[in-house]
Amino acid sequence: MKFHYVYILQSESNSGRFYIGYTDDLQSRLKSHNRKKCKHTSKYIPWKIKTAVAFTDEEKAMDFEKYLKTASGRAFTMKRL
């Protein structure tokens, strides 16, 4: 069974910085962020995984990632995760 992950990273150098993303390979994606392969996260390395949610349905994972990036989703994240 293949999983699709929606993840929230937290910067270890600036604990107030978070990044929300989607991937099929969580550990590889974290390494990519920490190797400055993503311009959006390169300034705040190193990163750690704060939360990850696994989905078996890719569309639902992508919809959840999109939701977390909205104002309502950010409020949900800060309150519950």
PDB file of N, CA and C in Angstrom:
ATOM      1  N   MET A   1       0.847  -1.180   0.000  1.00  0.00           N
ATOM      2  CA  MET A   1       0.000   0.000   0.000  1.00  0.00           C
ATOM      3  C   MET A   1       0.894   1.245   0.000  1.00  0.00           C
ATOM      4  N   LYS A   2       0.590   2.164  -0.849  1.00  0.00           N
ATOM      5  CA  LYS A   2       1.352   3.405  -0.968  1.00  0.00           C
ATOM      6  C   LYS A   2       0.690   4.508  -0.147  1.00  0.00           C
ATOM      7  N   PHE A   3       1.522   5.264   0.566  1.00  0.00           N
ATOM      8  CA  PHE A   3       1.013   6.370   1.365  1.00  0.00           C
ATOM      9  C   PHE A   3       1.436   7.700   0.756  1.00  0.00           C
ATOM     10  N   HIS A   4       0.592   8.691   0.962  1.00  0.00           N
ATOM     11  CA  HIS A   4       0.840  10.073   0.549  1.00  0.00           C
ATOM     12  C   HIS A   4       0.810  10.895   1.835  1.00  0.00           C
ATOM     13  N   TYR A   5       1.854  11.678   2.056  1.00  0.00           N
ATOM     14  CA  TYR A   5       1.999  12.386   3.322  1.00  0.00           C
ATOM     15  C   TYR A   5       1.804  13.890   3.170  1.00  0.00           C
ATOM     16  N   VAL A   6       1.072  14.451   4.092  1.00  0.00           N
ATOM     17  CA  VAL A   6       1.016  15.897   4.275  1.00  0.00           C
ATOM     18  C   VAL A   6       1.803  16.132   5.551  1.00  0.00           C
ATOM     19  N   TYR A   7       2.778  17.017   5.467  1.00  0.00           N
ATOM     20  CA  TYR A   7       3.675  17.186   6.604  1.00  0.00           C
ATOM     21  C   TYR A   7       3.823  18.654   6.985  1.00  0.00           C
ATOM     22  N   ILE A   8       4.152  18.848   8.242  1.00  0.00           N
ATOM     23  CA  ILE A   8       4.456  20.185   8.751  1.00  0.00           C
ATOM     24  C   ILE A   8       5.858  20.120   9.319  1.00  0.00           C
ATOM     25  N   LEU A   9       6.725  20.957   8.799  1.00  0.00           N
ATOM     26  CA  LEU A   9       8.087  21.054   9.307  1.00  0.00           C
ATOM     27  C   LEU A   9       8.185  22.252  10.226  1.00  0.00           C
ATOM     28  N   GLN A  10       9.068  22.155  11.202  1.00  0.00           N
ATOM     29  CA  GLN A  10       9.372  23.272  12.083  1.00  0.00           C
ATOM     30  C   GLN A  10      10.869  23.516  12.015  1.00  0.00           C
ATOM     31  N   SER A  11      11.233  24.765  11.856  1.00  0.00           N
ATOM     32  CA  SER A  11      12.648  25.114  11.797  1.00  0.00           C
ATOM     33  C   SER A  11      13.274  24.953  13.174  1.00  0.00           C
ATOM     34  N   GLU A  12      14.449  24.338  13.205  1.00  0.00           N
ATOM     35  CA  GLU A  12      15.170  24.204  14.469  1.00  0.00           C
ATOM     36  C   GLU A  12      15.963  25.476  14.781  1.00  0.00           C
ATOM     37  N   SER A  13      16.222  26.289  13.773  1.00  0.00           N
ATOM     38  CA  SER A  13      16.957  27.530  13.998  1.00  0.00           C
ATOM     39  C   SER A  13      16.038  28.710  14.316  1.00  0.00           C
ATOM     40  N   ASN A  14      14.746  28.577  13.992  1.00  0.00           N
ATOM     41  CA  ASN A  14      13.757  29.615  14.251  1.00  0.00           C
ATOM     42  C   ASN A  14      12.432  28.903  14.522  1.00  0.00           C
ATOM     43  N   SER A  15      12.169  28.574  15.765  1.00  0.00           N
ATOM     44  CA  SER A  15      11.038  27.709  16.122  1.00  0.00           C
ATOM     45  C   SER A  15       9.669  28.274  15.732  1.00  0.00           C
ATOM     46  N   GLY A  16       9.601  29.526  15.363  1.00  0.00           N
ATOM     47  CA  GLY A  16       8.341  30.120  14.926  1.00  0.00           C
ATOM     48  C   GLY A  16       8.069  29.924  13.442  1.00  0.00           C
ATOM     49  N   ARG A  17       8.996  29.291  12.732  1.00  0.00           N
ATOM     50  CA  ARG A  17       8.855  29.061  11.290  1.00  0.00           C
ATOM     51  C   ARG A  17       8.373  27.647  11.025  1.00  0.00           C
ATOM     52  N   PHE A  18       7.330  27.551  10.189  1.00  0.00           N
ATOM     53  CA  PHE A  18       6.759  26.268   9.815  1.00  0.00           C
ATOM     54  C   PHE A  18       6.641  26.201   8.302  1.00  0.00           C
ATOM     55  N   TYR A  19       6.611  24.993   7.792  1.00  0.00           N
ATOM     56  CA  TYR A  19       6.422  24.775   6.362  1.00  0.00           C
ATOM     57  C   TYR A  19       5.483  23.587   6.187  1.00  0.00           C
ATOM     58  N   ILE A  20       4.512  23.719   5.295  1.00  0.00           N
ATOM     59  CA  ILE A  20       3.543  22.663   5.020  1.00  0.00           C
ATOM     60  C   ILE A  20       3.799  22.135   3.617  1.00  0.00           C
ATOM     61  N   GLY A  21       3.837  20.814   3.492  1.00  0.00           N
ATOM     62  CA  GLY A  21       4.084  20.228   2.184  1.00  0.00           C
ATOM     63  C   GLY A  21       3.427  18.875   2.011  1.00  0.00           C
ATOM     64  N   TYR A  22       3.644  18.312   0.834  1.00  0.00           N
ATOM     65  CA  TYR A  22       3.079  17.014   0.451  1.00  0.00           C
ATOM     66  C   TYR A  22       4.186  16.197  -0.198  1.00  0.00           C
ATOM     67  N   THR A  23       4.224  14.902   0.079  1.00  0.00           N
ATOM     68  CA  THR A  23       5.208  14.024  -0.545  1.00  0.00           C
ATOM     69  C   THR A  23       4.760  12.570  -0.463  1.00  0.00           C
ATOM     70  N   ASP A  24       5.397  11.739  -1.273  1.00  0.00           N
ATOM     71  CA  ASP A  24       5.198  10.297  -1.189  1.00  0.00           C
ATOM     72  C   ASP A  24       6.342   9.641  -0.413  1.00  0.00           C
ATOM     73  N   ASP A  25       7.425  10.381  -0.169  1.00  0.00           N
ATOM     74  CA  ASP A  25       8.603   9.850   0.529  1.00  0.00           C
ATOM     75  C   ASP A  25       9.049  10.877   1.573  1.00  0.00           C
ATOM     76  N   LEU A  26       8.561  10.713   2.769  1.00  0.00           N
ATOM     77  CA  LEU A  26       8.743  11.712   3.823  1.00  0.00           C
ATOM     78  C   LEU A  26      10.207  11.922   4.208  1.00  0.00           C
ATOM     79  N   GLN A  27      10.952  10.843   4.427  1.00  0.00           N
ATOM     80  CA  GLN A  27      12.341  10.986   4.861  1.00  0.00           C
ATOM     81  C   GLN A  27      13.206  11.628   3.775  1.00  0.00           C
ATOM     82  N   SER A  28      12.991  11.240   2.547  1.00  0.00           N
ATOM     83  CA  SER A  28      13.740  11.829   1.437  1.00  0.00           C
ATOM     84  C   SER A  28      13.427  13.313   1.294  1.00  0.00           C
ATOM     85  N   ARG A  29      12.172  13.667   1.473  1.00  0.00           N
ATOM     86  CA  ARG A  29      11.759  15.075   1.345  1.00  0.00           C
ATOM     87  C   ARG A  29      12.368  15.921   2.460  1.00  0.00           C
ATOM     88  N   LEU A  30      12.422  15.389   3.675  1.00  0.00           N
ATOM     89  CA  LEU A  30      13.052  16.122   4.776  1.00  0.00           C
ATOM     90  C   LEU A  30      14.531  16.361   4.474  1.00  0.00           C
ATOM     91  N   LYS A  31      15.216  15.347   3.978  1.00  0.00           N
ATOM     92  CA  LYS A  31      16.630  15.507   3.606  1.00  0.00           C
ATOM     93  C   LYS A  31      16.789  16.575   2.538  1.00  0.00           C
ATOM     94  N   SER A  32      15.880  16.595   1.581  1.00  0.00           N
ATOM     95  CA  SER A  32      15.921  17.584   0.514  1.00  0.00           C
ATOM     96  C   SER A  32      15.785  19.007   1.072  1.00  0.00           C
ATOM     97  N   HIS A  33      14.861  19.197   1.999  1.00  0.00           N
ATOM     98  CA  HIS A  33      14.706  20.514   2.629  1.00  0.00           C
ATOM     99  C   HIS A  33      15.979  20.911   3.370  1.00  0.00           C
ATOM    100  N   ASN A  34      16.562  19.983   4.085  1.00  0.00           N
ATOM    101  CA  ASN A  34      17.748  20.291   4.888  1.00  0.00           C
ATOM    102  C   ASN A  34      19.018  20.428   4.059  1.00  0.00           C
ATOM    103  N   ARG A  35      18.972  20.034   2.807  1.00  0.00           N
ATOM    104  CA  ARG A  35      20.109  20.211   1.896  1.00  0.00           C
ATOM    105  C   ARG A  35      19.922  21.446   1.009  1.00  0.00           C
ATOM    106  N   LYS A  36      18.987  22.299   1.385  1.00  0.00           N
ATOM    107  CA  LYS A  36      18.704  23.552   0.674  1.00  0.00           C
ATOM    108  C   LYS A  36      18.235  23.343  -0.764  1.00  0.00           C
ATOM    109  N   LYS A  37      17.534  22.245  -1.037  1.00  0.00           N
ATOM    110  CA  LYS A  37      17.018  21.971  -2.380  1.00  0.00           C
ATOM    111  C   LYS A  37      15.701  22.696  -2.640  1.00  0.00           C
ATOM    112  N   CYS A  38      15.103  23.262  -1.600  1.00  0.00           N
ATOM    113  CA  CYS A  38      13.830  23.971  -1.716  1.00  0.00           C
ATOM    114  C   CYS A  38      14.060  25.430  -1.329  1.00  0.00           C
ATOM    115  N   LYS A  39      13.838  26.339  -2.271  1.00  0.00           N
ATOM    116  CA  LYS A  39      14.122  27.746  -2.002  1.00  0.00           C
ATOM    117  C   LYS A  39      13.268  28.329  -0.877  1.00  0.00           C
ATOM    118  N   HIS A  40      12.080  27.774  -0.652  1.00  0.00           N
ATOM    119  CA  HIS A  40      11.180  28.297   0.373  1.00  0.00           C
ATOM    120  C   HIS A  40      11.647  27.965   1.791  1.00  0.00           C
ATOM    121  N   THR A  41      12.482  26.963   1.942  1.00  0.00           N
ATOM    122  CA  THR A  41      12.896  26.543   3.282  1.00  0.00           C
ATOM    123  C   THR A  41      14.388  26.692   3.524  1.00  0.00           C
ATOM    124  N   SER A  42      15.144  27.052   2.534  1.00  0.00           N
ATOM    125  CA  SER A  42      16.607  27.049   2.650  1.00  0.00           C
ATOM    126  C   SER A  42      17.156  28.015   3.702  1.00  0.00           C
ATOM    127  N   LYS A  43      16.460  29.108   3.957  1.00  0.00           N
ATOM    128  CA  LYS A  43      16.969  30.101   4.919  1.00  0.00           C
ATOM    129  C   LYS A  43      16.841  29.662   6.370  1.00  0.00           C
ATOM    130  N   TYR A  44      16.022  28.672   6.647  1.00  0.00           N
ATOM    131  CA  TYR A  44      15.726  28.325   8.038  1.00  0.00           C
ATOM    132  C   TYR A  44      16.117  26.898   8.409  1.00  0.00           C
ATOM    133  N   ILE A  45      17.115  26.332   7.715  1.00  0.00           N
ATOM    134  CA  ILE A  45      17.551  24.981   8.057  1.00  0.00           C
ATOM    135  C   ILE A  45      18.262  25.000   9.412  1.00  0.00           C
ATOM    136  N   PRO A  46      18.306  23.909  10.106  1.00  0.00           N
ATOM    137  CA  PRO A  46      17.713  22.617   9.791  1.00  0.00           C
ATOM    138  C   PRO A  46      16.234  22.571  10.170  1.00  0.00           C
ATOM    139  N   TRP A  47      15.526  21.647   9.536  1.00  0.00           N
ATOM    140  CA  TRP A  47      14.105  21.421   9.771  1.00  0.00           C
ATOM    141  C   TRP A  47      13.892  20.076  10.438  1.00  0.00           C
ATOM    142  N   LYS A  48      12.814  19.987  11.211  1.00  0.00           N
ATOM    143  CA  LYS A  48      12.400  18.704  11.777  1.00  0.00           C
ATOM    144  C   LYS A  48      10.924  18.515  11.471  1.00  0.00           C
ATOM    145  N   ILE A  49      10.492  17.272  11.446  1.00  0.00           N
ATOM    146  CA  ILE A  49       9.088  16.980  11.200  1.00  0.00           C
ATOM    147  C   ILE A  49       8.311  17.242  12.483  1.00  0.00           C
ATOM    148  N   LYS A  50       7.372  18.157  12.423  1.00  0.00           N
ATOM    149  CA  LYS A  50       6.498  18.474  13.559  1.00  0.00           C
ATOM    150  C   LYS A  50       5.300  17.527  13.560  1.00  0.00           C
ATOM    151  N   THR A  51       4.678  17.368  12.390  1.00  0.00           N
ATOM    152  CA  THR A  51       3.503  16.516  12.238  1.00  0.00           C
ATOM    153  C   THR A  51       3.491  15.956  10.818  1.00  0.00           C
ATOM    154  N   ALA A  52       3.034  14.717  10.687  1.00  0.00           N
ATOM    155  CA  ALA A  52       2.836  14.127   9.367  1.00  0.00           C
ATOM    156  C   ALA A  52       1.563  13.288   9.414  1.00  0.00           C
ATOM    157  N   VAL A  53       0.764  13.412   8.377  1.00  0.00           N
ATOM    158  CA  VAL A  53      -0.474  12.648   8.273  1.00  0.00           C
ATOM    159  C   VAL A  53      -0.387  11.820   6.998  1.00  0.00           C
ATOM    160  N   ALA A  54      -0.614  10.520   7.122  1.00  0.00           N
ATOM    161  CA  ALA A  54      -0.537   9.615   5.977  1.00  0.00           C
ATOM    162  C   ALA A  54      -1.934   9.356   5.416  1.00  0.00           C
ATOM    163  N   PHE A  55      -2.036   9.422   4.102  1.00  0.00           N
ATOM    164  CA  PHE A  55      -3.282   9.155   3.391  1.00  0.00           C
ATOM    165  C   PHE A  55      -3.037   8.034   2.389  1.00  0.00           C
ATOM    166  N   THR A  56      -4.044   7.216   2.153  1.00  0.00           N
ATOM    167  CA  THR A  56      -3.958   6.234   1.074  1.00  0.00           C
ATOM    168  C   THR A  56      -4.517   6.811  -0.222  1.00  0.00           C
ATOM    169  N   ASP A  57      -5.271   7.887  -0.120  1.00  0.00           N
ATOM    170  CA  ASP A  57      -5.877   8.547  -1.282  1.00  0.00           C
ATOM    171  C   ASP A  57      -5.098   9.825  -1.586  1.00  0.00           C
ATOM    172  N   GLU A  58      -4.441   9.855  -2.741  1.00  0.00           N
ATOM    173  CA  GLU A  58      -3.608  10.998  -3.112  1.00  0.00           C
ATOM    174  C   GLU A  58      -4.411  12.294  -3.197  1.00  0.00           C
ATOM    175  N   GLU A  59      -5.594  12.233  -3.749  1.00  0.00           N
ATOM    176  CA  GLU A  59      -6.420  13.436  -3.900  1.00  0.00           C
ATOM    177  C   GLU A  59      -6.793  14.023  -2.537  1.00  0.00           C
ATOM    178  N   LYS A  60      -7.126  13.168  -1.586  1.00  0.00           N
ATOM    179  CA  LYS A  60      -7.462  13.648  -0.248  1.00  0.00           C
ATOM    180  C   LYS A  60      -6.244  14.278   0.425  1.00  0.00           C
ATOM    181  N   ALA A  61      -5.075  13.706   0.203  1.00  0.00           N
ATOM    182  CA  ALA A  61      -3.846  14.279   0.760  1.00  0.00           C
ATOM    183  C   ALA A  61      -3.606  15.669   0.183  1.00  0.00           C
ATOM    184  N   MET A  62      -3.739  15.793  -1.109  1.00  0.00           N
ATOM    185  CA  MET A  62      -3.507  17.093  -1.752  1.00  0.00           C
ATOM    186  C   MET A  62      -4.547  18.123  -1.315  1.00  0.00           C
ATOM    187  N   ASP A  63      -5.781  17.693  -1.139  1.00  0.00           N
ATOM    188  CA  ASP A  63      -6.826  18.599  -0.648  1.00  0.00           C
ATOM    189  C   ASP A  63      -6.522  19.055   0.782  1.00  0.00           C
ATOM    190  N   PHE A  64      -6.025  18.145   1.617  1.00  0.00           N
ATOM    191  CA  PHE A  64      -5.704  18.498   2.999  1.00  0.00           C
ATOM    192  C   PHE A  64      -4.538  19.479   3.045  1.00  0.00           C
ATOM    193  N   GLU A  65      -3.525  19.254   2.213  1.00  0.00           N
ATOM    194  CA  GLU A  65      -2.403  20.196   2.145  1.00  0.00           C
ATOM    195  C   GLU A  65      -2.906  21.580   1.737  1.00  0.00           C
ATOM    196  N   LYS A  66      -3.752  21.622   0.729  1.00  0.00           N
ATOM    197  CA  LYS A  66      -4.299  22.900   0.255  1.00  0.00           C
ATOM    198  C   LYS A  66      -5.077  23.598   1.383  1.00  0.00           C
ATOM    199  N   TYR A  67      -5.876  22.819   2.122  1.00  0.00           N
ATOM    200  CA  TYR A  67      -6.631  23.375   3.247  1.00  0.00           C
ATOM    201  C   TYR A  67      -5.694  23.948   4.314  1.00  0.00           C
ATOM    202  N   LEU A  68      -4.647  23.214   4.672  1.00  0.00           N
ATOM    203  CA  LEU A  68      -3.732  23.690   5.719  1.00  0.00           C
ATOM    204  C   LEU A  68      -3.047  24.997   5.339  1.00  0.00           C
ATOM    205  N   LYS A  69      -2.958  25.291   4.061  1.00  0.00           N
ATOM    206  CA  LYS A  69      -2.310  26.518   3.606  1.00  0.00           C
ATOM    207  C   LYS A  69      -3.272  27.706   3.542  1.00  0.00           C
ATOM    208  N   THR A  70      -4.543  27.487   3.897  1.00  0.00           N
ATOM    209  CA  THR A  70      -5.506  28.589   3.957  1.00  0.00           C
ATOM    210  C   THR A  70      -5.451  29.218   5.353  1.00  0.00           C
ATOM    211  N   ALA A  71      -6.090  30.362   5.519  1.00  0.00           N
ATOM    212  CA  ALA A  71      -6.136  31.018   6.835  1.00  0.00           C
ATOM    213  C   ALA A  71      -6.807  30.104   7.862  1.00  0.00           C
ATOM    214  N   SER A  72      -7.886  29.469   7.480  1.00  0.00           N
ATOM    215  CA  SER A  72      -8.586  28.554   8.374  1.00  0.00           C
ATOM    216  C   SER A  72      -7.707  27.353   8.731  1.00  0.00           C
ATOM    217  N   GLY A  73      -6.997  26.838   7.752  1.00  0.00           N
ATOM    218  CA  GLY A  73      -6.108  25.706   7.972  1.00  0.00           C
ATOM    219  C   GLY A  73      -4.939  26.055   8.867  1.00  0.00           C
ATOM    220  N   ARG A  74      -4.387  27.259   8.708  1.00  0.00           N
ATOM    221  CA  ARG A  74      -3.291  27.695   9.599  1.00  0.00           C
ATOM    222  C   ARG A  74      -3.782  27.824  11.023  1.00  0.00           C
ATOM    223  N   ALA A  75      -4.998  28.341  11.212  1.00  0.00           N
ATOM    224  CA  ALA A  75      -5.570  28.459  12.557  1.00  0.00           C
ATOM    225  C   ALA A  75      -5.764  27.057  13.158  1.00  0.00           C
ATOM    226  N   PHE A  76      -6.279  26.121  12.361  1.00  0.00           N
ATOM    227  CA  PHE A  76      -6.449  24.745  12.809  1.00  0.00           C
ATOM    228  C   PHE A  76      -5.103  24.153  13.227  1.00  0.00           C
ATOM    229  N   THR A  77      -4.088  24.374  12.421  1.00  0.00           N
ATOM    230  CA  THR A  77      -2.758  23.845  12.708  1.00  0.00           C
ATOM    231  C   THR A  77      -2.213  24.374  14.024  1.00  0.00           C
ATOM    232  N   MET A  78      -2.294  25.670  14.217  1.00  0.00           N
ATOM    233  CA  MET A  78      -1.747  26.262  15.428  1.00  0.00           C
ATOM    234  C   MET A  78      -2.509  25.838  16.682  1.00  0.00           C
ATOM    235  N   LYS A  79      -3.790  25.600  16.535  1.00  0.00           N
ATOM    236  CA  LYS A  79      -4.605  25.240  17.695  1.00  0.00           C
ATOM    237  C   LYS A  79      -4.480  23.762  18.053  1.00  0.00           C
ATOM    238  N   ARG A  80      -4.368  22.897  17.028  1.00  0.00           N
ATOM    239  CA  ARG A  80      -4.462  21.462  17.289  1.00  0.00           C
ATOM    240  C   ARG A  80      -3.191  20.663  17.071  1.00  0.00           C
ATOM    241  N   LEU A  81      -2.279  21.172  16.290  1.00  0.00           N
ATOM    242  CA  LEU A  81      -1.088  20.381  16.003  1.00  0.00           C
ATOM    243  C   LEU A  81       0.112  21.025  16.648  1.00  0.00           C
TER     244      LEU A  81
END
